[in-house]
C-alpha cells in the first residue's frame, strides 16, 4: 500500500487515466474527487463487496432449476421445435 500526504487541491494519478483530487479535509473526513474513464467502475468498498456478493449468489445454480431447464429443453425437442 502506498501512503502519501496531500493537501486540499493536490492530486495523484493512478496509471494514465485516473486522477484523484483531495477536495476537502474536515476533521477526520476527507472528500476526494476521482476522474476516470466511464469504462472504469468506481465504488466505495462496502458497495463493491455487496455487488460482488449479489453476483456470486446470482451465479449459483440450484439443482431443481437445472432439472426444470432440462425438462423444458426435452419438451421443446420432442415437439420438433
PDB file of N, CA and C in Angstrom:
ATOM      1  N   UNK A   1       0.854  -1.173   0.000  1.00  0.00           N
ATOM      2  CA  UNK A   1       0.000   0.000   0.000  1.00  0.00           C
ATOM      3  C   UNK A   1       0.901   1.238   0.000  1.00  0.00           C
ATOM      4  N   UNK A   2       0.601   2.145  -0.864  1.00  0.00           N
ATOM      5  CA  UNK A   2       1.294   3.422  -0.912  1.00  0.00           C
ATOM      6  C   UNK A   2       0.545   4.395  -0.003  1.00  0.00           C
ATOM      7  N   UNK A   3       1.238   5.020   0.920  1.00  0.00           N
ATOM      8  CA  UNK A   3       0.639   6.022   1.803  1.00  0.00           C
ATOM      9  C   UNK A   3       1.325   7.346   1.524  1.00  0.00           C
ATOM     10  N   UNK A   4       0.528   8.354   1.149  1.00  0.00           N
ATOM     11  CA  UNK A   4       1.087   9.677   0.860  1.00  0.00           C
ATOM     12  C   UNK A   4       0.280  10.746   1.575  1.00  0.00           C
ATOM     13  N   UNK A   5       0.878  11.889   1.717  1.00  0.00           N
ATOM     14  CA  UNK A   5       0.202  13.030   2.337  1.00  0.00           C
ATOM     15  C   UNK A   5      -0.100  14.052   1.247  1.00  0.00           C
ATOM     16  N   UNK A   6      -1.316  14.510   1.201  1.00  0.00           N
ATOM     17  CA  UNK A   6      -1.741  15.516   0.226  1.00  0.00           C
ATOM     18  C   UNK A   6      -2.574  16.568   0.939  1.00  0.00           C
ATOM     19  N   UNK A   7      -2.539  17.773   0.428  1.00  0.00           N
ATOM     20  CA  UNK A   7      -3.348  18.877   0.956  1.00  0.00           C
ATOM     21  C   UNK A   7      -4.531  19.093   0.026  1.00  0.00           C
ATOM     22  N   UNK A   8      -5.578  19.764   0.510  1.00  0.00           N
ATOM     23  CA  UNK A   8      -6.711  20.052  -0.380  1.00  0.00           C
ATOM     24  C   UNK A   8      -6.233  20.722  -1.672  1.00  0.00           C
ATOM     25  N   UNK A   9      -6.793  20.231  -2.784  1.00  0.00           N
ATOM     26  CA  UNK A   9      -6.436  20.755  -4.093  1.00  0.00           C
ATOM     27  C   UNK A   9      -5.317  19.979  -4.757  1.00  0.00           C
ATOM     28  N   UNK A  10      -4.553  19.206  -3.992  1.00  0.00           N
ATOM     29  CA  UNK A  10      -3.481  18.422  -4.578  1.00  0.00           C
ATOM     30  C   UNK A  10      -4.034  17.137  -5.172  1.00  0.00           C
ATOM     31  N   UNK A  11      -3.285  16.585  -6.131  1.00  0.00           N
ATOM     32  CA  UNK A  11      -3.781  15.441  -6.895  1.00  0.00           C
ATOM     33  C   UNK A  11      -2.747  14.334  -6.940  1.00  0.00           C
ATOM     34  N   UNK A  12      -3.243  13.125  -7.216  1.00  0.00           N
ATOM     35  CA  UNK A  12      -2.376  11.993  -7.537  1.00  0.00           C
ATOM     36  C   UNK A  12      -2.942  11.319  -8.774  1.00  0.00           C
ATOM     37  N   UNK A  13      -2.098  10.592  -9.474  1.00  0.00           N
ATOM     38  CA  UNK A  13      -2.561   9.847 -10.639  1.00  0.00           C
ATOM     39  C   UNK A  13      -2.401   8.354 -10.385  1.00  0.00           C
ATOM     40  N   UNK A  14      -3.314   7.598 -10.966  1.00  0.00           N
ATOM     41  CA  UNK A  14      -3.246   6.141 -10.943  1.00  0.00           C
ATOM     42  C   UNK A  14      -3.240   5.715 -12.405  1.00  0.00           C
ATOM     43  N   UNK A  15      -2.109   5.179 -12.849  1.00  0.00           N
ATOM     44  CA  UNK A  15      -1.970   4.870 -14.261  1.00  0.00           C
ATOM     45  C   UNK A  15      -2.030   6.151 -15.074  1.00  0.00           C
ATOM     46  N   UNK A  16      -2.440   6.014 -16.322  1.00  0.00           N
ATOM     47  CA  UNK A  16      -2.528   7.176 -17.207  1.00  0.00           C
ATOM     48  C   UNK A  16      -3.911   7.809 -17.215  1.00  0.00           C
ATOM     49  N   UNK A  17      -4.913   7.094 -16.677  1.00  0.00           N
ATOM     50  CA  UNK A  17      -6.294   7.512 -16.887  1.00  0.00           C
ATOM     51  C   UNK A  17      -7.046   7.974 -15.647  1.00  0.00           C
ATOM     52  N   UNK A  18      -6.493   7.793 -14.459  1.00  0.00           N
ATOM     53  CA  UNK A  18      -7.237   8.100 -13.233  1.00  0.00           C
ATOM     54  C   UNK A  18      -6.509   9.189 -12.451  1.00  0.00           C
ATOM     55  N   UNK A  19      -7.254  10.233 -12.078  1.00  0.00           N
ATOM     56  CA  UNK A  19      -6.704  11.320 -11.274  1.00  0.00           C
ATOM     57  C   UNK A  19      -7.575  11.466 -10.027  1.00  0.00           C
ATOM     58  N   UNK A  20      -6.938  11.461  -8.866  1.00  0.00           N
ATOM     59  CA  UNK A  20      -7.646  11.616  -7.591  1.00  0.00           C
ATOM     60  C   UNK A  20      -7.237  12.968  -7.014  1.00  0.00           C
ATOM     61  N   UNK A  21      -8.238  13.791  -6.679  1.00  0.00           N
ATOM     62  CA  UNK A  21      -8.001  15.115  -6.123  1.00  0.00           C
ATOM     63  C   UNK A  21      -8.538  15.174  -4.705  1.00  0.00           C
ATOM     64  N   UNK A  22      -7.750  15.714  -3.779  1.00  0.00           N
ATOM     65  CA  UNK A  22      -8.237  15.963  -2.425  1.00  0.00           C
ATOM     66  C   UNK A  22      -9.069  17.232  -2.507  1.00  0.00           C
ATOM     67  N   UNK A  23     -10.370  17.105  -2.341  1.00  0.00           N
ATOM     68  CA  UNK A  23     -11.282  18.236  -2.476  1.00  0.00           C
ATOM     69  C   UNK A  23     -11.380  19.003  -1.165  1.00  0.00           C
ATOM     70  N   UNK A  24     -11.482  18.261  -0.048  1.00  0.00           N
ATOM     71  CA  UNK A  24     -11.696  18.919   1.239  1.00  0.00           C
ATOM     72  C   UNK A  24     -11.260  17.986   2.367  1.00  0.00           C
ATOM     73  N   UNK A  25     -10.724  18.575   3.409  1.00  0.00           N
ATOM     74  CA  UNK A  25     -10.409  17.833   4.630  1.00  0.00           C
ATOM     75  C   UNK A  25     -11.118  18.554   5.767  1.00  0.00           C
ATOM     76  N   UNK A  26     -11.983  17.817   6.458  1.00  0.00           N
ATOM     77  CA  UNK A  26     -12.755  18.407   7.549  1.00  0.00           C
ATOM     78  C   UNK A  26     -12.703  17.426   8.715  1.00  0.00           C
ATOM     79  N   UNK A  27     -11.884  17.728   9.733  1.00  0.00           N
ATOM     80  CA  UNK A  27     -11.734  16.815  10.860  1.00  0.00           C
ATOM     81  C   UNK A  27     -11.120  15.511  10.380  1.00  0.00           C
ATOM     82  N   UNK A  28     -11.799  14.404  10.664  1.00  0.00           N
ATOM     83  CA  UNK A  28     -11.284  13.098  10.246  1.00  0.00           C
ATOM     84  C   UNK A  28     -11.846  12.656   8.895  1.00  0.00           C
ATOM     85  N   UNK A  29     -12.594  13.525   8.224  1.00  0.00           N
ATOM     86  CA  UNK A  29     -13.173  13.176   6.921  1.00  0.00           C
ATOM     87  C   UNK A  29     -12.380  13.814   5.788  1.00  0.00           C
ATOM     88  N   UNK A  30     -12.194  13.036   4.731  1.00  0.00           N
ATOM     89  CA  UNK A  30     -11.507  13.524   3.548  1.00  0.00           C
ATOM     90  C   UNK A  30     -12.449  13.358   2.367  1.00  0.00           C
ATOM     91  N   UNK A  31     -12.670  14.428   1.633  1.00  0.00           N
ATOM     92  CA  UNK A  31     -13.517  14.359   0.441  1.00  0.00           C
ATOM     93  C   UNK A  31     -12.606  14.297  -0.774  1.00  0.00           C
ATOM     94  N   UNK A  32     -12.799  13.239  -1.576  1.00  0.00           N
ATOM     95  CA  UNK A  32     -11.977  13.014  -2.762  1.00  0.00           C
ATOM     96  C   UNK A  32     -12.794  13.181  -4.030  1.00  0.00           C
ATOM     97  N   UNK A  33     -12.170  13.697  -5.054  1.00  0.00           N
ATOM     98  CA  UNK A  33     -12.756  13.733  -6.388  1.00  0.00           C
ATOM     99  C   UNK A  33     -11.968  12.773  -7.254  1.00  0.00           C
ATOM    100  N   UNK A  34     -12.658  11.965  -8.047  1.00  0.00           N
ATOM    101  CA  UNK A  34     -11.991  10.961  -8.873  1.00  0.00           C
ATOM    102  C   UNK A  34     -12.400  11.166 -10.328  1.00  0.00           C
ATOM    103  N   UNK A  35     -11.398  11.378 -11.173  1.00  0.00           N
ATOM    104  CA  UNK A  35     -11.630  11.493 -12.616  1.00  0.00           C
ATOM    105  C   UNK A  35     -11.114  10.218 -13.259  1.00  0.00           C
ATOM    106  N   UNK A  36     -12.000   9.520 -13.972  1.00  0.00           N
ATOM    107  CA  UNK A  36     -11.621   8.272 -14.621  1.00  0.00           C
ATOM    108  C   UNK A  36     -12.516   8.052 -15.840  1.00  0.00           C
ATOM    109  N   UNK A  37     -12.042   7.263 -16.793  1.00  0.00           N
ATOM    110  CA  UNK A  37     -12.893   6.930 -17.949  1.00  0.00           C
ATOM    111  C   UNK A  37     -14.167   6.219 -17.491  1.00  0.00           C
ATOM    112  N   UNK A  38     -15.222   6.380 -18.241  1.00  0.00           N
ATOM    113  CA  UNK A  38     -16.500   5.742 -17.888  1.00  0.00           C
ATOM    114  C   UNK A  38     -16.390   4.218 -17.861  1.00  0.00           C
ATOM    115  N   UNK A  39     -15.408   3.682 -18.538  1.00  0.00           N
ATOM    116  CA  UNK A  39     -15.251   2.227 -18.578  1.00  0.00           C
ATOM    117  C   UNK A  39     -14.702   1.664 -17.267  1.00  0.00           C
ATOM    118  N   UNK A  40     -14.260   2.522 -16.369  1.00  0.00           N
ATOM    119  CA  UNK A  40     -13.738   2.082 -15.075  1.00  0.00           C
ATOM    120  C   UNK A  40     -14.806   2.306 -14.010  1.00  0.00           C
ATOM    121  N   UNK A  41     -15.207   1.232 -13.342  1.00  0.00           N
ATOM    122  CA  UNK A  41     -16.199   1.337 -12.261  1.00  0.00           C
ATOM    123  C   UNK A  41     -15.515   1.834 -11.000  1.00  0.00           C
ATOM    124  N   UNK A  42     -16.170   2.767 -10.307  1.00  0.00           N
ATOM    125  CA  UNK A  42     -15.648   3.295  -9.051  1.00  0.00           C
ATOM    126  C   UNK A  42     -16.739   3.146  -8.008  1.00  0.00           C
ATOM    127  N   UNK A  43     -16.437   2.421  -6.938  1.00  0.00           N
ATOM    128  CA  UNK A  43     -17.408   2.185  -5.864  1.00  0.00           C
ATOM    129  C   UNK A  43     -16.715   2.314  -4.513  1.00  0.00           C
ATOM    130  N   UNK A  44     -17.465   2.709  -3.509  1.00  0.00           N
ATOM    131  CA  UNK A  44     -16.972   2.578  -2.137  1.00  0.00           C
ATOM    132  C   UNK A  44     -16.832   1.090  -1.870  1.00  0.00           C
ATOM    133  N   UNK A  45     -15.872   0.698  -1.035  1.00  0.00           N
ATOM    134  CA  UNK A  45     -15.586  -0.717  -0.828  1.00  0.00           C
ATOM    135  C   UNK A  45     -16.800  -1.487  -0.338  1.00  0.00           C
ATOM    136  N   UNK A  46     -17.593  -0.914   0.574  1.00  0.00           N
ATOM    137  CA  UNK A  46     -18.752  -1.644   1.089  1.00  0.00           C
ATOM    138  C   UNK A  46     -19.801  -1.890   0.004  1.00  0.00           C
ATOM    139  N   UNK A  47     -19.917  -0.974  -0.956  1.00  0.00           N
ATOM    140  CA  UNK A  47     -20.841  -1.169  -2.081  1.00  0.00           C
ATOM    141  C   UNK A  47     -20.278  -2.228  -3.028  1.00  0.00           C
ATOM    142  N   UNK A  48     -18.982  -2.153  -3.307  1.00  0.00           N
ATOM    143  CA  UNK A  48     -18.337  -3.142  -4.173  1.00  0.00           C
ATOM    144  C   UNK A  48     -18.508  -4.549  -3.602  1.00  0.00           C
ATOM    145  N   UNK A  49     -18.297  -4.693  -2.287  1.00  0.00           N
ATOM    146  CA  UNK A  49     -18.455  -6.005  -1.648  1.00  0.00           C
ATOM    147  C   UNK A  49     -19.883  -6.516  -1.782  1.00  0.00           C
ATOM    148  N   UNK A  50     -20.873  -5.629  -1.642  1.00  0.00           N
ATOM    149  CA  UNK A  50     -22.277  -6.023  -1.764  1.00  0.00           C
ATOM    150  C   UNK A  50     -22.595  -6.466  -3.197  1.00  0.00           C
ATOM    151  N   UNK A  51     -22.093  -5.728  -4.178  1.00  0.00           N
ATOM    152  CA  UNK A  51     -22.311  -6.086  -5.588  1.00  0.00           C
ATOM    153  C   UNK A  51     -21.691  -7.446  -5.879  1.00  0.00           C
ATOM    154  N   UNK A  52     -20.479  -7.651  -5.395  1.00  0.00           N
ATOM    155  CA  UNK A  52     -19.784  -8.924  -5.611  1.00  0.00           C
ATOM    156  C   UNK A  52     -20.541 -10.091  -4.991  1.00  0.00           C
ATOM    157  N   UNK A  53     -21.050  -9.884  -3.777  1.00  0.00           N
ATOM    158  CA  UNK A  53     -21.815 -10.939  -3.099  1.00  0.00           C
ATOM    159  C   UNK A  53     -23.087 -11.266  -3.879  1.00  0.00           C
ATOM    160  N   UNK A  54     -23.802 -10.232  -4.341  1.00  0.00           N
ATOM    161  CA  UNK A  54     -25.027 -10.455  -5.100  1.00  0.00           C
ATOM    162  C   UNK A  54     -24.733 -11.183  -6.415  1.00  0.00           C
ATOM    163  N   UNK A  55     -23.622 -10.834  -7.065  1.00  0.00           N
ATOM    164  CA  UNK A  55     -23.258 -11.511  -8.312  1.00  0.00           C
ATOM    165  C   UNK A  55     -22.947 -12.982  -8.065  1.00  0.00           C
ATOM    166  N   UNK A  56     -22.255 -13.286  -6.976  1.00  0.00           N
ATOM    167  CA  UNK A  56     -21.956 -14.676  -6.647  1.00  0.00           C
ATOM    168  C   UNK A  56     -23.234 -15.458  -6.360  1.00  0.00           C
ATOM    169  N   UNK A  57     -24.158 -14.844  -5.601  1.00  0.00           N
ATOM    170  CA  UNK A  57     -25.423 -15.509  -5.295  1.00  0.00           C
ATOM    171  C   UNK A  57     -26.227 -15.753  -6.563  1.00  0.00           C
ATOM    172  N   UNK A  58     -26.221 -14.799  -7.471  1.00  0.00           N
ATOM    173  CA  UNK A  58     -26.992 -14.931  -8.710  1.00  0.00           C
ATOM    174  C   UNK A  58     -26.408 -16.008  -9.622  1.00  0.00           C
ATOM    175  N   UNK A  59     -25.118 -16.260  -9.482  1.00  0.00           N
ATOM    176  CA  UNK A  59     -24.484 -17.250 -10.359  1.00  0.00           C
ATOM    177  C   UNK A  59     -24.632 -18.675  -9.844  1.00  0.00           C
ATOM    178  N   UNK A  60     -25.110 -18.835  -8.623  1.00  0.00           N
ATOM    179  CA  UNK A  60     -25.284 -20.180  -8.076  1.00  0.00           C
ATOM    180  C   UNK A  60     -26.472 -20.862  -8.753  1.00  0.00           C
ATOM    181  N   UNK A  61     -26.288 -22.129  -9.105  1.00  0.00           N
ATOM    182  CA  UNK A  61     -27.338 -22.881  -9.787  1.00  0.00           C
ATOM    183  C   UNK A  61     -27.944 -23.869  -8.802  1.00  0.00           C
ATOM    184  N   UNK A  62     -29.257 -23.813  -8.687  1.00  0.00           N
ATOM    185  CA  UNK A  62     -29.975 -24.768  -7.854  1.00  0.00           C
ATOM    186  C   UNK A  62     -30.287 -25.993  -8.710  1.00  0.00           C
ATOM    187  N   UNK A  63     -30.118 -27.172  -8.161  1.00  0.00           N
ATOM    188  CA  UNK A  63     -30.342 -28.411  -8.912  1.00  0.00           C
ATOM    189  C   UNK A  63     -31.745 -28.475  -9.499  1.00  0.00           C
ATOM    190  N   UNK A  64     -32.741 -27.973  -8.778  1.00  0.00           N
ATOM    191  CA  UNK A  64     -34.115 -28.021  -9.289  1.00  0.00           C
ATOM    192  C   UNK A  64     -34.269 -27.130 -10.520  1.00  0.00           C
ATOM    193  N   UNK A  65     -33.532 -26.005 -10.562  1.00  0.00           N
ATOM    194  CA  UNK A  65     -33.579 -25.143 -11.747  1.00  0.00           C
ATOM    195  C   UNK A  65     -32.997 -25.865 -12.957  1.00  0.00           C
ATOM    196  N   UNK A  66     -31.922 -26.591 -12.741  1.00  0.00           N
ATOM    197  CA  UNK A  66     -31.285 -27.324 -13.831  1.00  0.00           C
ATOM    198  C   UNK A  66     -32.199 -28.444 -14.331  1.00  0.00           C
ATOM    199  N   UNK A  67     -32.839 -29.152 -13.416  1.00  0.00           N
ATOM    200  CA  UNK A  67     -33.766 -30.222 -13.789  1.00  0.00           C
ATOM    201  C   UNK A  67     -34.928 -29.652 -14.597  1.00  0.00           C
ATOM    202  N   UNK A  68     -35.453 -28.536 -14.179  1.00  0.00           N
ATOM    203  CA  UNK A  68     -36.561 -27.898 -14.890  1.00  0.00           C
ATOM    204  C   UNK A  68     -36.134 -27.443 -16.281  1.00  0.00           C
ATOM    205  N   UNK A  69     -34.897 -26.905 -16.402  1.00  0.00           N
ATOM    206  CA  UNK A  69     -34.405 -26.464 -17.703  1.00  0.00           C
ATOM    207  C   UNK A  69     -34.260 -27.650 -18.659  1.00  0.00           C
ATOM    208  N   UNK A  70     -33.756 -28.760 -18.163  1.00  0.00           N
ATOM    209  CA  UNK A  70     -33.611 -29.962 -18.991  1.00  0.00           C
ATOM    210  C   UNK A  70     -34.982 -30.442 -19.440  1.00  0.00           C
ATOM    211  N   UNK A  71     -35.967 -30.415 -18.551  1.00  0.00           N
ATOM    212  CA  UNK A  71     -37.318 -30.842 -18.884  1.00  0.00           C
ATOM    213  C   UNK A  71     -37.914 -29.975 -19.993  1.00  0.00           C
ATOM    214  N   UNK A  72     -37.732 -28.691 -19.881  1.00  0.00           N
ATOM    215  CA  UNK A  72     -38.247 -27.765 -20.902  1.00  0.00           C
ATOM    216  C   UNK A  72     -37.547 -28.017 -22.232  1.00  0.00           C
ATOM    217  N   UNK A  73     -36.237 -28.197 -22.190  1.00  0.00           N
ATOM    218  CA  UNK A  73     -35.482 -28.460 -23.407  1.00  0.00           C
ATOM    219  C   UNK A  73     -35.949 -29.755 -24.070  1.00  0.00           C
ATOM    220  N   UNK A  74     -36.175 -30.800 -23.283  1.00  0.00           N
ATOM    221  CA  UNK A  74     -36.634 -32.080 -23.828  1.00  0.00           C
ATOM    222  C   UNK A  74     -38.014 -31.945 -24.464  1.00  0.00           C
ATOM    223  N   UNK A  75     -38.918 -31.189 -23.824  1.00  0.00           N
ATOM    224  CA  UNK A  75     -40.251 -30.979 -24.387  1.00  0.00           C
ATOM    225  C   UNK A  75     -40.165 -30.240 -25.724  1.00  0.00           C
ATOM    226  N   UNK A  76     -39.295 -29.229 -25.769  1.00  0.00           N
ATOM    227  CA  UNK A  76     -39.127 -28.442 -26.996  1.00  0.00           C
ATOM    228  C   UNK A  76     -38.623 -29.315 -28.130  1.00  0.00           C
ATOM    229  N   UNK A  77     -37.630 -30.163 -27.811  1.00  0.00           N
ATOM    230  CA  UNK A  77     -37.060 -31.031 -28.852  1.00  0.00           C
ATOM    231  C   UNK A  77     -38.054 -32.099 -29.293  1.00  0.00           C
ATOM    232  N   UNK A  78     -38.880 -32.614 -28.383  1.00  0.00           N
ATOM    233  CA  UNK A  78     -39.833 -33.669 -28.757  1.00  0.00           C
ATOM    234  C   UNK A  78     -41.007 -33.086 -29.570  1.00  0.00           C
ATOM    235  N   UNK A  79     -41.233 -31.784 -29.456  1.00  0.00           N
ATOM    236  CA  UNK A  79     -42.296 -31.142 -30.252  1.00  0.00           C
ATOM    237  C   UNK A  79     -41.789 -30.703 -31.612  1.00  0.00           C
ATOM    238  N   UNK A  80     -40.529 -30.995 -31.917  1.00  0.00           N
ATOM    239  CA  UNK A  80     -39.985 -30.661 -33.216  1.00  0.00           C
ATOM    240  C   UNK A  80     -39.625 -29.209 -33.378  1.00  0.00           C
ATOM    241  N   UNK A  81     -39.465 -28.508 -32.277  1.00  0.00           N
ATOM    242  CA  UNK A  81     -39.114 -27.072 -32.377  1.00  0.00           C
ATOM    243  C   UNK A  81     -37.640 -26.868 -32.356  1.00  0.00           C
TER     244      UNK A  81
END
